C-alpha atoms as a PDB file:
ATOM      1  CA  MET A   1      38.699 118.790 -19.258  1.00  0.00           C
ATOM      2  CA  THR A   2      40.291 115.602 -20.583  1.00  0.00           C
ATOM      3  CA  LYS A   3      39.347 112.164 -19.211  1.00  0.00           C
ATOM      4  CA  ARG A   4      41.830 109.346 -19.968  1.00  0.00           C
ATOM      5  CA  LEU A   5      42.243 105.623 -19.394  1.00  0.00           C
ATOM      6  CA  ASP A   6      45.962 105.471 -18.708  1.00  0.00           C
ATOM      7  CA  GLY A   7      47.544 102.256 -19.933  1.00  0.00           C
ATOM      8  CA  LEU A   8      44.941 101.384 -22.566  1.00  0.00           C
ATOM      9  CA  ARG A   9      46.818 100.519 -25.757  1.00  0.00           C
ATOM     10  CA  TRP A  10      46.155  98.203 -28.666  1.00  0.00           C
ATOM     11  CA  GLU A  11      48.317  95.124 -29.127  1.00  0.00           C
ATOM     12  CA  PRO A  12      50.197  95.446 -32.438  1.00  0.00           C
ATOM     13  CA  LEU A  13      48.694  92.743 -34.650  1.00  0.00           C
ATOM     14  CA  TRP A  14      48.030  92.600 -38.391  1.00  0.00           C
ATOM     15  CA  VAL A  15      44.311  92.356 -37.620  1.00  0.00           C
ATOM     16  CA  SER A  16      43.632  95.646 -35.856  1.00  0.00           C
ATOM     17  CA  HIS A  17      40.186  94.445 -34.721  1.00  0.00           C
ATOM     18  CA  VAL A  18      41.764  91.643 -32.690  1.00  0.00           C
ATOM     19  CA  GLY A  19      44.614  93.922 -31.638  1.00  0.00           C
ATOM     20  CA  CYS A  20      42.179  96.440 -30.163  1.00  0.00           C
ATOM     21  CA  LEU A  21      40.086  93.754 -28.491  1.00  0.00           C
ATOM     22  CA  LYS A  22      43.284  92.278 -27.032  1.00  0.00           C
ATOM     23  CA  GLY A  23      44.322  95.698 -25.773  1.00  0.00           C
ATOM     24  CA  CYS A  24      40.957  96.168 -24.063  1.00  0.00           C
ATOM     25  CA  LEU A  25      41.175  92.734 -22.441  1.00  0.00           C
ATOM     26  CA  ASN A  26      44.724  93.461 -21.275  1.00  0.00           C
ATOM     27  CA  TYR A  27      43.437  96.679 -19.685  1.00  0.00           C
ATOM     28  CA  LEU A  28      40.734  94.674 -17.896  1.00  0.00           C
ATOM     29  CA  GLY A  29      43.368  92.262 -16.549  1.00  0.00           C
ATOM     30  CA  LYS A  30      42.257  89.364 -18.750  1.00  0.00           C
ATOM     31  CA  GLU A  31      45.622  88.117 -19.965  1.00  0.00           C
ATOM     32  CA  MET A  32      45.785  85.486 -22.688  1.00  0.00           C
ATOM     33  CA  SER A  33      47.993  84.687 -25.643  1.00  0.00           C
ATOM     34  CA  ALA A  34      47.312  86.332 -28.980  1.00  0.00           C
ATOM     35  CA  PRO A  35      46.792  82.912 -30.660  1.00  0.00           C
ATOM     36  CA  TRP A  36      44.202  81.982 -28.026  1.00  0.00           C
ATOM     37  CA  LEU A  37      42.195  85.135 -28.713  1.00  0.00           C
ATOM     38  CA  PHE A  38      42.646  84.815 -32.481  1.00  0.00           C
ATOM     39  CA  GLY A  39      41.348  81.266 -32.322  1.00  0.00           C
ATOM     40  CA  ALA A  40      38.546  81.905 -29.843  1.00  0.00           C
ATOM     41  CA  THR A  41      37.173  84.734 -32.010  1.00  0.00           C
ATOM     42  CA  GLY A  42      37.512  82.566 -35.119  1.00  0.00           C
ATOM     43  CA  HIS A  43      39.600  85.199 -36.903  1.00  0.00           C
ATOM     44  CA  ALA A  44      42.556  82.829 -37.051  1.00  0.00           C
ATOM     45  CA  PHE A  45      40.572  80.708 -39.532  1.00  0.00           C
ATOM     46  CA  MET A  46      39.027  83.526 -41.581  1.00  0.00           C
ATOM     47  CA  LEU A  47      39.883  84.058 -45.260  1.00  0.00           C
ATOM     48  CA  ASN A  48      37.957  86.666 -47.246  1.00  0.00           C
ATOM     49  CA  LEU A  49      38.907  88.222 -50.592  1.00  0.00           C
ATOM     50  CA  SER A  50      37.415  90.277 -53.373  1.00  0.00           C
ATOM     51  CA  GLU A  51      37.974  89.401 -57.018  1.00  0.00           C
ATOM     52  CA  ASP A  52      40.412  92.284 -57.475  1.00  0.00           C
ATOM     53  CA  VAL A  53      42.219  91.348 -54.220  1.00  0.00           C
ATOM     54  CA  CYS A  54      41.700  94.879 -52.869  1.00  0.00           C
ATOM     55  CA  PRO A  55      42.766  95.811 -49.308  1.00  0.00           C
ATOM     56  CA  SER A  56      39.202  95.536 -47.975  1.00  0.00           C
ATOM     57  CA  GLY A  57      39.208  91.735 -47.740  1.00  0.00           C
ATOM     58  CA  PRO A  58      40.288  91.488 -44.084  1.00  0.00           C
ATOM     59  CA  THR A  59      37.526  93.852 -42.882  1.00  0.00           C
ATOM     60  CA  ALA A  60      34.704  93.645 -45.464  1.00  0.00           C
ATOM     61  CA  TRP A  61      32.616  90.874 -43.939  1.00  0.00           C
ATOM     62  CA  LYS A  62      30.102  90.574 -41.100  1.00  0.00           C
ATOM     63  CA  THR A  63      32.772  90.846 -38.424  1.00  0.00           C
ATOM     64  CA  ASN A  64      30.505  91.105 -35.374  1.00  0.00           C
ATOM     65  CA  VAL A  65      30.477  87.321 -35.206  1.00  0.00           C
ATOM     66  CA  ILE A  66      34.004  87.431 -33.786  1.00  0.00           C
ATOM     67  CA  LEU A  67      32.723  89.450 -30.829  1.00  0.00           C
ATOM     68  CA  THR A  68      29.948  87.012 -29.979  1.00  0.00           C
ATOM     69  CA  LEU A  69      32.092  83.936 -30.640  1.00  0.00           C
ATOM     70  CA  GLY A  70      35.080  85.256 -28.708  1.00  0.00           C
ATOM     71  CA  SER A  71      33.011  86.320 -25.717  1.00  0.00           C
ATOM     72  CA  SER A  72      33.589  82.831 -24.316  1.00  0.00           C
ATOM     73  CA  VAL A  73      37.066  83.969 -23.186  1.00  0.00           C
ATOM     74  CA  GLY A  74      35.454  86.430 -20.779  1.00  0.00           C
ATOM     75  CA  TYR A  75      33.904  89.613 -22.106  1.00  0.00           C
ATOM     76  CA  ARG A  76      30.680  91.092 -23.383  1.00  0.00           C
ATOM     77  CA  THR A  77      30.393  93.956 -25.812  1.00  0.00           C
ATOM     78  CA  ILE A  78      28.080  96.846 -26.538  1.00  0.00           C
ATOM     79  CA  VAL A  79      28.297  97.841 -30.201  1.00  0.00           C
ATOM     80  CA  VAL A  80      27.206 101.110 -31.773  1.00  0.00           C
ATOM     81  CA  PHE A  81      26.912 100.899 -35.551  1.00  0.00           C
ATOM     82  CA  GLY A  82      25.686 103.233 -38.241  1.00  0.00           C
ATOM     83  CA  TYR A  83      26.196 103.681 -41.950  1.00  0.00           C
ATOM     84  CA  ARG A  84      25.693 106.669 -44.210  1.00  0.00           C
ATOM     85  CA  GLY A  85      24.045 104.424 -46.793  1.00  0.00           C
ATOM     86  CA  ASN A  86      21.362 103.554 -44.243  1.00  0.00           C
ATOM     87  CA  GLY A  87      20.742 107.197 -43.413  1.00  0.00           C
ATOM     88  CA  ASP A  88      21.654 106.855 -39.733  1.00  0.00           C
ATOM     89  CA  LEU A  89      25.228 108.166 -39.647  1.00  0.00           C
ATOM     90  CA  GLU A  90      24.503 111.270 -37.553  1.00  0.00           C
ATOM     91  CA  GLN A  91      22.462 109.316 -35.019  1.00  0.00           C
ATOM     92  CA  ALA A  92      25.251 106.740 -34.750  1.00  0.00           C
ATOM     93  CA  GLN A  93      27.833 109.496 -34.212  1.00  0.00           C
ATOM     94  CA  GLU A  94      25.794 110.794 -31.285  1.00  0.00           C
ATOM     95  CA  ARG A  95      25.256 107.325 -29.806  1.00  0.00           C
ATOM     96  CA  ALA A  96      28.944 106.462 -30.164  1.00  0.00           C
ATOM     97  CA  TRP A  97      30.010 109.701 -28.480  1.00  0.00           C
ATOM     98  CA  GLU A  98      27.650 109.075 -25.579  1.00  0.00           C
ATOM     99  CA  ALA A  99      28.700 105.419 -25.225  1.00  0.00           C
ATOM    100  CA  ALA A 100      32.428 106.180 -25.321  1.00  0.00           C
ATOM    101  CA  ARG A 101      32.206 108.916 -22.696  1.00  0.00           C
ATOM    102  CA  ARG A 102      30.089 106.752 -20.402  1.00  0.00           C
ATOM    103  CA  ALA A 103      32.496 103.830 -20.767  1.00  0.00           C
ATOM    104  CA  ILE A 104      35.621 105.892 -20.090  1.00  0.00           C
ATOM    105  CA  ASP A 105      33.956 107.575 -17.102  1.00  0.00           C
ATOM    106  CA  ASP A 106      33.284 104.074 -15.722  1.00  0.00           C
ATOM    107  CA  GLY A 107      36.826 102.842 -16.421  1.00  0.00           C
ATOM    108  CA  ILE A 108      35.683 100.533 -19.233  1.00  0.00           C
ATOM    109  CA  PRO A 109      37.756 100.328 -22.442  1.00  0.00           C
ATOM    110  CA  CYS A 110      36.417 100.775 -25.947  1.00  0.00           C
ATOM    111  CA  TYR A 111      37.621 100.971 -29.515  1.00  0.00           C
ATOM    112  CA  GLY A 112      36.326 102.238 -32.832  1.00  0.00           C
ATOM    113  CA  TRP A 113      36.625 102.080 -36.591  1.00  0.00           C
ATOM    114  CA  GLU A 114      38.532 104.550 -38.790  1.00  0.00           C
ATOM    115  CA  LEU A 115      39.568 107.185 -36.299  1.00  0.00           C
ATOM    116  CA  ASP A 116      42.476 107.553 -38.716  1.00  0.00           C
ATOM    117  CA  VAL A 117      42.867 105.109 -41.638  1.00  0.00           C
ATOM    118  CA  PRO A 118      40.348 102.289 -42.239  1.00  0.00           C
ATOM    119  CA  GLU A 119      41.459 100.204 -39.255  1.00  0.00           C
ATOM    120  CA  PHE A 120      40.367  99.870 -35.624  1.00  0.00           C
ATOM    121  CA  TYR A 121      41.792 102.027 -32.820  1.00  0.00           C
ATOM    122  CA  VAL A 122      41.472 101.893 -29.036  1.00  0.00           C
ATOM    123  CA  ILE A 123      39.801 104.999 -27.619  1.00  0.00           C
ATOM    124  CA  ASN A 124      41.657 105.900 -24.442  1.00  0.00           C
ATOM    125  CA  GLY A 125      40.237 109.309 -23.666  1.00  0.00           C
ATOM    126  CA  TYR A 126      38.013 112.221 -24.571  1.00  0.00           C
ATOM    127  CA  ASP A 127      37.600 115.935 -24.000  1.00  0.00           C
ATOM    128  CA  GLU A 128      34.953 118.467 -24.978  1.00  0.00           C
ATOM    129  CA  VAL A 129      36.067 118.231 -28.634  1.00  0.00           C
ATOM    130  CA  GLY A 130      36.306 114.510 -29.263  1.00  0.00           C
ATOM    131  CA  TYR A 131      38.227 111.260 -28.993  1.00  0.00           C
ATOM    132  CA  TYR A 132      41.814 110.439 -28.035  1.00  0.00           C
ATOM    133  CA  TYR A 133      42.951 107.209 -29.639  1.00  0.00           C
ATOM    134  CA  GLN A 134      45.912 104.928 -30.334  1.00  0.00           C
ATOM    135  CA  GLY A 135      46.647 102.225 -32.891  1.00  0.00           C
ATOM    136  CA  CYS A 136      48.497 101.071 -35.959  1.00  0.00           C
ATOM    137  CA  THR A 137      49.218 104.483 -37.512  1.00  0.00           C
ATOM    138  CA  VAL A 138      49.514 106.452 -34.274  1.00  0.00           C
ATOM    139  CA  ASP A 139      51.683 104.460 -31.893  1.00  0.00           C
ATOM    140  CA  ASP A 140      52.121 107.455 -29.598  1.00  0.00           C
ATOM    141  CA  GLY A 141      48.413 108.255 -29.715  1.00  0.00           C
ATOM    142  CA  ALA A 142      46.481 111.134 -31.258  1.00  0.00           C
ATOM    143  CA  GLY A 143      43.481 113.359 -30.715  1.00  0.00           C
ATOM    144  CA  PRO A 144      41.197 114.934 -30.115  1.00  0.00           C
ATOM    145  CA  LYS A 145      39.279 113.785 -33.164  1.00  0.00           C
ATOM    146  CA  PRO A 146      36.038 115.787 -33.324  1.00  0.00           C
ATOM    147  CA  TRP A 147      33.274 113.394 -32.455  1.00  0.00           C
ATOM    148  CA  ARG A 148      31.111 114.439 -35.399  1.00  0.00           C
ATOM    149  CA  GLU A 149      33.905 113.425 -37.777  1.00  0.00           C
ATOM    150  CA  LEU A 150      33.714 109.782 -36.734  1.00  0.00           C
ATOM    151  CA  GLY A 151      32.482 107.881 -39.774  1.00  0.00           C
ATOM    152  CA  ASP A 152      32.458 110.970 -41.978  1.00  0.00           C
ATOM    153  CA  THR A 153      34.690 109.291 -44.581  1.00  0.00           C
ATOM    154  CA  ASP A 154      34.413 107.706 -48.003  1.00  0.00           C
ATOM    155  CA  ILE A 155      33.362 104.460 -46.309  1.00  0.00           C
ATOM    156  CA  GLY A 156      30.849 106.288 -44.123  1.00  0.00           C
ATOM    157  CA  CYS A 157      30.666 103.802 -41.254  1.00  0.00           C
ATOM    158  CA  VAL A 158      30.532 104.336 -37.491  1.00  0.00           C
ATOM    159  CA  GLN A 159      31.454 101.349 -35.367  1.00  0.00           C
ATOM    160  CA  LEU A 160      32.266 101.640 -31.683  1.00  0.00           C
ATOM    161  CA  VAL A 161      32.741  98.668 -29.357  1.00  0.00           C
ATOM    162  CA  VAL A 162      32.655  98.862 -25.548  1.00  0.00           C
ATOM    163  CA  VAL A 163      34.284  95.856 -23.845  1.00  0.00           C
ATOM    164  CA  HIS A 164      32.987  94.762 -20.420  1.00  0.00           C
ATOM    165  CA  PRO A 165      34.527  91.930 -18.372  1.00  0.00           C
ATOM    166  CA  GLU A 166      32.629  88.675 -17.900  1.00  0.00           C
ATOM    167  CA  GLN A 167      33.360  85.169 -16.658  1.00  0.00           C
ATOM    168  CA  SER A 168      35.101  83.009 -19.239  1.00  0.00           C
ATOM    169  CA  ARG A 169      33.776  79.614 -20.291  1.00  0.00           C
ATOM    170  CA  ASP A 170      35.552  76.260 -20.215  1.00  0.00           C
ATOM    171  CA  ASP A 171      38.273  75.407 -22.708  1.00  0.00           C
ATOM    172  CA  VAL A 172      36.258  72.645 -24.381  1.00  0.00           C
ATOM    173  CA  THR A 173      33.480  75.087 -25.245  1.00  0.00           C
ATOM    174  CA  ILE A 174      35.933  77.714 -26.485  1.00  0.00           C
ATOM    175  CA  VAL A 175      37.768  75.279 -28.759  1.00  0.00           C
ATOM    176  CA  ARG A 176      34.669  73.498 -30.042  1.00  0.00           C
ATOM    177  CA  ASN A 177      32.926  76.755 -30.967  1.00  0.00           C
ATOM    178  CA  ALA A 178      36.040  78.086 -32.703  1.00  0.00           C
ATOM    179  CA  LEU A 179      36.576  74.958 -34.764  1.00  0.00           C
ATOM    180  CA  GLU A 180      32.914  74.726 -35.757  1.00  0.00           C
ATOM    181  CA  PHE A 181      33.197  78.301 -36.988  1.00  0.00           C
ATOM    182  CA  ALA A 182      36.373  77.414 -38.887  1.00  0.00           C
ATOM    183  CA  GLY A 183      34.524  74.637 -40.695  1.00  0.00           C
ATOM    184  CA  ALA A 184      31.653  76.961 -41.631  1.00  0.00           C
ATOM    185  CA  VAL A 185      34.105  79.584 -42.945  1.00  0.00           C
ATOM    186  CA  ALA A 186      35.942  76.989 -45.026  1.00  0.00           C
ATOM    187  CA  ALA A 187      32.629  75.932 -46.572  1.00  0.00           C
ATOM    188  CA  GLY A 188      31.980  79.479 -47.803  1.00  0.00           C
ATOM    189  CA  GLY A 189      30.806  81.341 -44.702  1.00  0.00           C
ATOM    190  CA  LYS A 190      27.350  82.076 -46.114  1.00  0.00           C
ATOM    191  CA  ASP A 191      26.273  83.774 -42.880  1.00  0.00           C
ATOM    192  CA  TRP A 192      29.139  86.287 -42.922  1.00  0.00           C
ATOM    193  CA  VAL A 193      30.282  86.840 -46.518  1.00  0.00           C
ATOM    194  CA  LEU A 194      29.272  89.983 -48.420  1.00  0.00           C
ATOM    195  CA  PRO A 195      28.368  90.289 -52.135  1.00  0.00           C
ATOM    196  CA  GLY A 196      31.451  90.508 -54.329  1.00  0.00           C
ATOM    197  CA  TYR A 197      33.652  88.551 -51.921  1.00  0.00           C
ATOM    198  CA  ALA A 198      34.611  84.914 -51.467  1.00  0.00           C
ATOM    199  CA  MET A 199      35.257  83.258 -48.121  1.00  0.00           C
ATOM    200  CA  GLY A 200      37.034  80.116 -46.989  1.00  0.00           C
ATOM    201  CA  LEU A 201      38.489  77.602 -49.431  1.00  0.00           C
ATOM    202  CA  ALA A 202      36.752  79.375 -52.325  1.00  0.00           C
ATOM    203  CA  ALA A 203      38.713  82.520 -51.441  1.00  0.00           C
ATOM    204  CA  TYR A 204      41.946  80.746 -52.342  1.00  0.00           C
ATOM    205  CA  ASP A 205      40.627  80.241 -55.871  1.00  0.00           C
ATOM    206  CA  VAL A 206      39.659  83.926 -56.116  1.00  0.00           C
ATOM    207  CA  TRP A 207      43.069  84.871 -54.753  1.00  0.00           C
ATOM    208  CA  VAL A 208      44.888  82.785 -57.359  1.00  0.00           C
ATOM    209  CA  ALA A 209      42.749  84.114 -60.202  1.00  0.00           C
ATOM    210  CA  GLY A 210      43.194  87.696 -59.024  1.00  0.00           C
ATOM    211  CA  VAL A 211      46.990  87.645 -58.898  1.00  0.00           C
ATOM    212  CA  LYS A 212      47.269  85.628 -62.124  1.00  0.00           C
ATOM    213  CA  SER A 213      45.140  88.170 -63.987  1.00  0.00           C
ATOM    214  CA  GLY A 214      47.700  90.901 -63.407  1.00  0.00           C
ATOM    215  CA  GLU A 215      44.891  93.249 -62.382  1.00  0.00           C
ATOM    216  CA  ALA A 216      45.089  92.744 -58.629  1.00  0.00           C
ATOM    217  CA  SER A 217      45.781  95.821 -56.534  1.00  0.00           C
ATOM    218  CA  GLY A 218      49.457  95.746 -55.584  1.00  0.00           C
ATOM    219  CA  THR A 219      48.759  97.186 -52.143  1.00  0.00           C
ATOM    220  CA  GLY A 220      45.758  94.894 -51.737  1.00  0.00           C
ATOM    221  CA  ALA A 221      47.746  91.813 -52.743  1.00  0.00           C
ATOM    222  CA  ALA A 222      50.489  92.675 -50.259  1.00  0.00           C
ATOM    223  CA  TYR A 223      48.110  93.584 -47.435  1.00  0.00           C
ATOM    224  CA  ASN A 224      45.991  90.463 -47.831  1.00  0.00           C
ATOM    225  CA  ALA A 225      49.117  88.321 -47.927  1.00  0.00           C
ATOM    226  CA  SER A 226      50.442  89.752 -44.654  1.00  0.00           C
ATOM    227  CA  VAL A 227      47.088  89.630 -42.852  1.00  0.00           C
ATOM    228  CA  TRP A 228      46.131  86.105 -43.834  1.00  0.00           C
ATOM    229  CA  ALA A 229      49.643  84.757 -43.233  1.00  0.00           C
ATOM    230  CA  SER A 230      49.452  86.227 -39.729  1.00  0.00           C
ATOM    231  CA  CYS A 231      46.005  84.685 -39.170  1.00  0.00           C
ATOM    232  CA  ARG A 232      47.187  81.208 -40.105  1.00  0.00           C
ATOM    233  CA  SER A 233      50.256  81.552 -37.920  1.00  0.00           C
ATOM    234  CA  HIS A 234      47.894  82.276 -35.028  1.00  0.00           C
ATOM    235  CA  ALA A 235      45.643  79.383 -36.090  1.00  0.00           C
ATOM    236  CA  LEU A 236      48.637  77.083 -35.704  1.00  0.00           C
ATOM    237  CA  GLY A 237      49.396  78.582 -32.295  1.00  0.00           C
ATOM    238  CA  PHE A 238      45.773  78.208 -31.221  1.00  0.00           C
ATOM    239  CA  LEU A 239      45.727  74.525 -32.191  1.00  0.00           C
ATOM    240  CA  GLU A 240      48.985  73.887 -30.352  1.00  0.00           C
ATOM    241  CA  GLU A 241      47.691  75.632 -27.240  1.00  0.00           C
ATOM    242  CA  SER A 242      44.358  73.803 -27.509  1.00  0.00           C
ATOM    243  CA  ARG A 243      46.129  70.449 -27.651  1.00  0.00           C
ATOM    244  CA  ARG A 244      48.020  71.286 -24.458  1.00  0.00           C
ATOM    245  CA  ARG A 245      44.914  72.513 -22.665  1.00  0.00           C
ATOM    246  CA  LEU A 246      42.855  69.495 -23.772  1.00  0.00           C
ATOM    247  CA  ALA A 247      45.539  66.822 -23.490  1.00  0.00           C
ATOM    248  CA  GLY A 248      44.063  63.363 -23.946  1.00  0.00           C
ATOM    249  CA  ARG A 249      41.124  64.678 -25.951  1.00  0.00           C
ATOM    250  CA  ALA A 250      41.513  63.979 -29.685  1.00  0.00           C
ATOM    251  CA  ASP A 251      45.322  64.070 -29.580  1.00  0.00           C
ATOM    252  CA  GLY A 252      45.659  62.294 -32.929  1.00  0.00           C
ATOM    253  CA  ALA A 253      43.265  64.627 -34.706  1.00  0.00           C
ATOM    254  CA  PHE A 254      44.989  67.628 -33.139  1.00  0.00           C
ATOM    255  CA  ASP A 255      48.311  66.342 -34.466  1.00  0.00           C
ATOM    256  CA  LYS A 256      46.892  66.075 -37.988  1.00  0.00           C
ATOM    257  CA  ALA A 257      45.367  69.539 -37.780  1.00  0.00           C
ATOM    258  CA  ILE A 258      48.596  71.022 -36.445  1.00  0.00           C
ATOM    259  CA  GLU A 259      50.609  69.414 -39.238  1.00  0.00           C
ATOM    260  CA  ALA A 260      48.198  70.750 -41.865  1.00  0.00           C
ATOM    261  CA  TYR A 261      48.017  74.285 -40.486  1.00  0.00           C
ATOM    262  CA  ALA A 262      51.798  74.407 -40.072  1.00  0.00           C
ATOM    263  CA  ALA A 263      51.951  73.848 -43.831  1.00  0.00           C
ATOM    264  CA  VAL A 264      49.267  76.483 -44.464  1.00  0.00           C
ATOM    265  CA  ALA A 265      51.127  79.022 -42.330  1.00  0.00           C
ATOM    266  CA  ALA A 266      54.467  78.238 -43.989  1.00  0.00           C
ATOM    267  CA  ASN A 267      53.079  78.586 -47.499  1.00  0.00           C
ATOM    268  CA  LEU A 268      51.268  81.839 -46.776  1.00  0.00           C
ATOM    269  CA  ALA A 269      54.449  83.170 -45.184  1.00  0.00           C
ATOM    270  CA  VAL A 270      56.152  82.651 -48.552  1.00  0.00           C
ATOM    271  CA  VAL A 271      53.319  84.537 -50.274  1.00  0.00           C
ATOM    272  CA  ALA A 272      53.806  87.437 -47.839  1.00  0.00           C
ATOM    273  CA  GLU A 273      57.557  87.388 -48.504  1.00  0.00           C
ATOM    274  CA  GLN A 274      57.002  87.551 -52.260  1.00  0.00           C
ATOM    275  CA  LEU A 275      54.478  90.398 -51.900  1.00  0.00           C
ATOM    276  CA  PRO A 276      55.806  92.487 -48.992  1.00  0.00           C
ATOM    277  CA  PHE A 277      53.657  95.234 -47.535  1.00  0.00           C
ATOM    278  CA  VAL A 278      56.035  96.745 -44.979  1.00  0.00           C
ATOM    279  CA  GLY A 279      59.063  98.440 -46.503  1.00  0.00           C
ATOM    280  CA  ALA A 280      57.539  98.720 -49.982  1.00  0.00           C
ATOM    281  CA  ASP A 281      55.786 101.802 -51.326  1.00  0.00           C
ATOM    282  CA  GLU A 282      52.723 101.639 -53.563  1.00  0.00           C
ATOM    283  CA  ALA A 283      54.767 101.659 -56.774  1.00  0.00           C
ATOM    284  CA  GLN A 284      56.924  98.765 -55.572  1.00  0.00           C
ATOM    285  CA  ARG A 285      53.883  96.770 -54.463  1.00  0.00           C
ATOM    286  CA  ASP A 286      52.323  97.244 -57.904  1.00  0.00           C
ATOM    287  CA  ALA A 287      55.563  96.147 -59.550  1.00  0.00           C
ATOM    288  CA  ASN A 288      55.747  93.057 -57.324  1.00  0.00           C
ATOM    289  CA  ALA A 289      52.159  92.117 -58.174  1.00  0.00           C
ATOM    290  CA  ARG A 290      53.052  92.176 -61.873  1.00  0.00           C
ATOM    291  CA  ASP A 291      56.392  90.387 -61.605  1.00  0.00           C
ATOM    292  CA  SER A 292      55.828  87.069 -63.378  1.00  0.00           C
ATOM    293  CA  ALA A 293      58.475  85.204 -61.369  1.00  0.00           C
ATOM    294  CA  ARG A 294      57.013  86.386 -58.070  1.00  0.00           C
ATOM    295  CA  ILE A 295      53.460  85.605 -59.133  1.00  0.00           C
ATOM    296  CA  GLU A 296      54.474  82.108 -60.206  1.00  0.00           C
ATOM    297  CA  GLN A 297      55.783  81.524 -56.678  1.00  0.00           C
ATOM    298  CA  VAL A 298      52.688  83.118 -55.141  1.00  0.00           C
ATOM    299  CA  VAL A 299      50.303  80.927 -57.138  1.00  0.00           C
ATOM    300  CA  GLU A 300      52.232  77.762 -56.301  1.00  0.00           C
ATOM    301  CA  HIS A 301      52.214  78.461 -52.585  1.00  0.00           C
ATOM    302  CA  LEU A 302      48.586  79.564 -52.531  1.00  0.00           C
ATOM    303  CA  ARG A 303      47.612  76.247 -54.081  1.00  0.00           C
ATOM    304  CA  LEU A 304      49.724  74.342 -51.589  1.00  0.00           C
ATOM    305  CA  ALA A 305      48.160  76.332 -48.751  1.00  0.00           C
ATOM    306  CA  ARG A 306      44.665  75.576 -50.034  1.00  0.00           C
ATOM    307  CA  ASP A 307      45.357  71.843 -50.242  1.00  0.00           C
ATOM    308  CA  SER A 308      46.804  71.833 -46.727  1.00  0.00           C
ATOM    309  CA  GLU A 309      43.886  73.810 -45.332  1.00  0.00           C
ATOM    310  CA  GLU A 310      41.409  71.420 -46.906  1.00  0.00           C
ATOM    311  CA  ARG A 311      43.150  68.573 -45.059  1.00  0.00           C
ATOM    312  CA  GLY A 312      43.260  70.618 -41.891  1.00  0.00           C
ATOM    313  CA  VAL A 313      39.543  71.374 -41.935  1.00  0.00           C
ATOM    314  CA  LYS A 314      38.791  67.654 -42.070  1.00  0.00           C
ATOM    315  CA  ALA A 315      40.948  67.147 -38.979  1.00  0.00           C
ATOM    316  CA  LEU A 316      39.146  70.032 -37.220  1.00  0.00           C
ATOM    317  CA  ALA A 317      35.826  68.250 -37.804  1.00  0.00           C
ATOM    318  CA  VAL A 318      37.204  65.135 -36.133  1.00  0.00           C
ATOM    319  CA  ILE A 319      38.329  67.198 -33.136  1.00  0.00           C
ATOM    320  CA  VAL A 320      34.859  68.713 -32.851  1.00  0.00           C
ATOM    321  CA  SER A 321      33.305  65.253 -32.871  1.00  0.00           C
ATOM    322  CA  HIS A 322      35.485  64.298 -29.885  1.00  0.00           C
ATOM    323  CA  LEU A 323      34.506  67.442 -27.997  1.00  0.00           C
ATOM    324  CA  ALA A 324      30.764  67.086 -28.457  1.00  0.00           C
END
């Protein structure tokens, strides 16, 4: 027997974690703009890279903070996590299977990590074999994935998130918390960064060094460019929406932040154009990452983006001071 949650789909976004969370909230009837959710979770202001600019940057950090931070828009989560390196993979597989079935039986949406490639996928059904799921590589859905195969990959990680509805908080709280998080990320994100990675403004320096060295992963360089350009586009949208929602509160500082993040978003868009992910195979991405003319443009625009973000973070701090 197959049990399904008809209508549960992810929202196609470069950050599959936010896309799956958005899809779950849509299913629960909690409509909001993508920039509002990106900002409320803090992901709009995240920047995380490894020295070799590998594709793991967007996901290899302590991401559960976005669930607790974003809960102010009206949800609570139950998270099942396990890791082969900790010796609890099999137990986590069992707990995830139990949690997913219970949630779907109760009409509650959930999503999980690496049901296909290393991205997040909404789980919209199950049968006696395993999970039915949908996401970035399976737009029409797929399954069943045997439940004991969840997390049985090179990464070896089980992560399942059940999303329950809750009352949202006021806009001032949502914006203040998001911008405080943005400032902490920019300063290095010591509470969320993992060994071997750089976060915030320091990540720009690692990014520049990585692409200049000629040793950056071509696929990683392209993927990071697309993800972080998308994040900063949503950061701009979040700030614009915040200014409208909080009209008369720190308008001048909002204007400065919006101007700065518009420049960040524009410069990172150029980086993504120079290092395209979609429409380029692995060989072409590698060639792009070693094209001196392209890399010269990439480095210039990364530096401009960093300078603009540094200005923007100062404006965010002023906004926070007005919302205290």
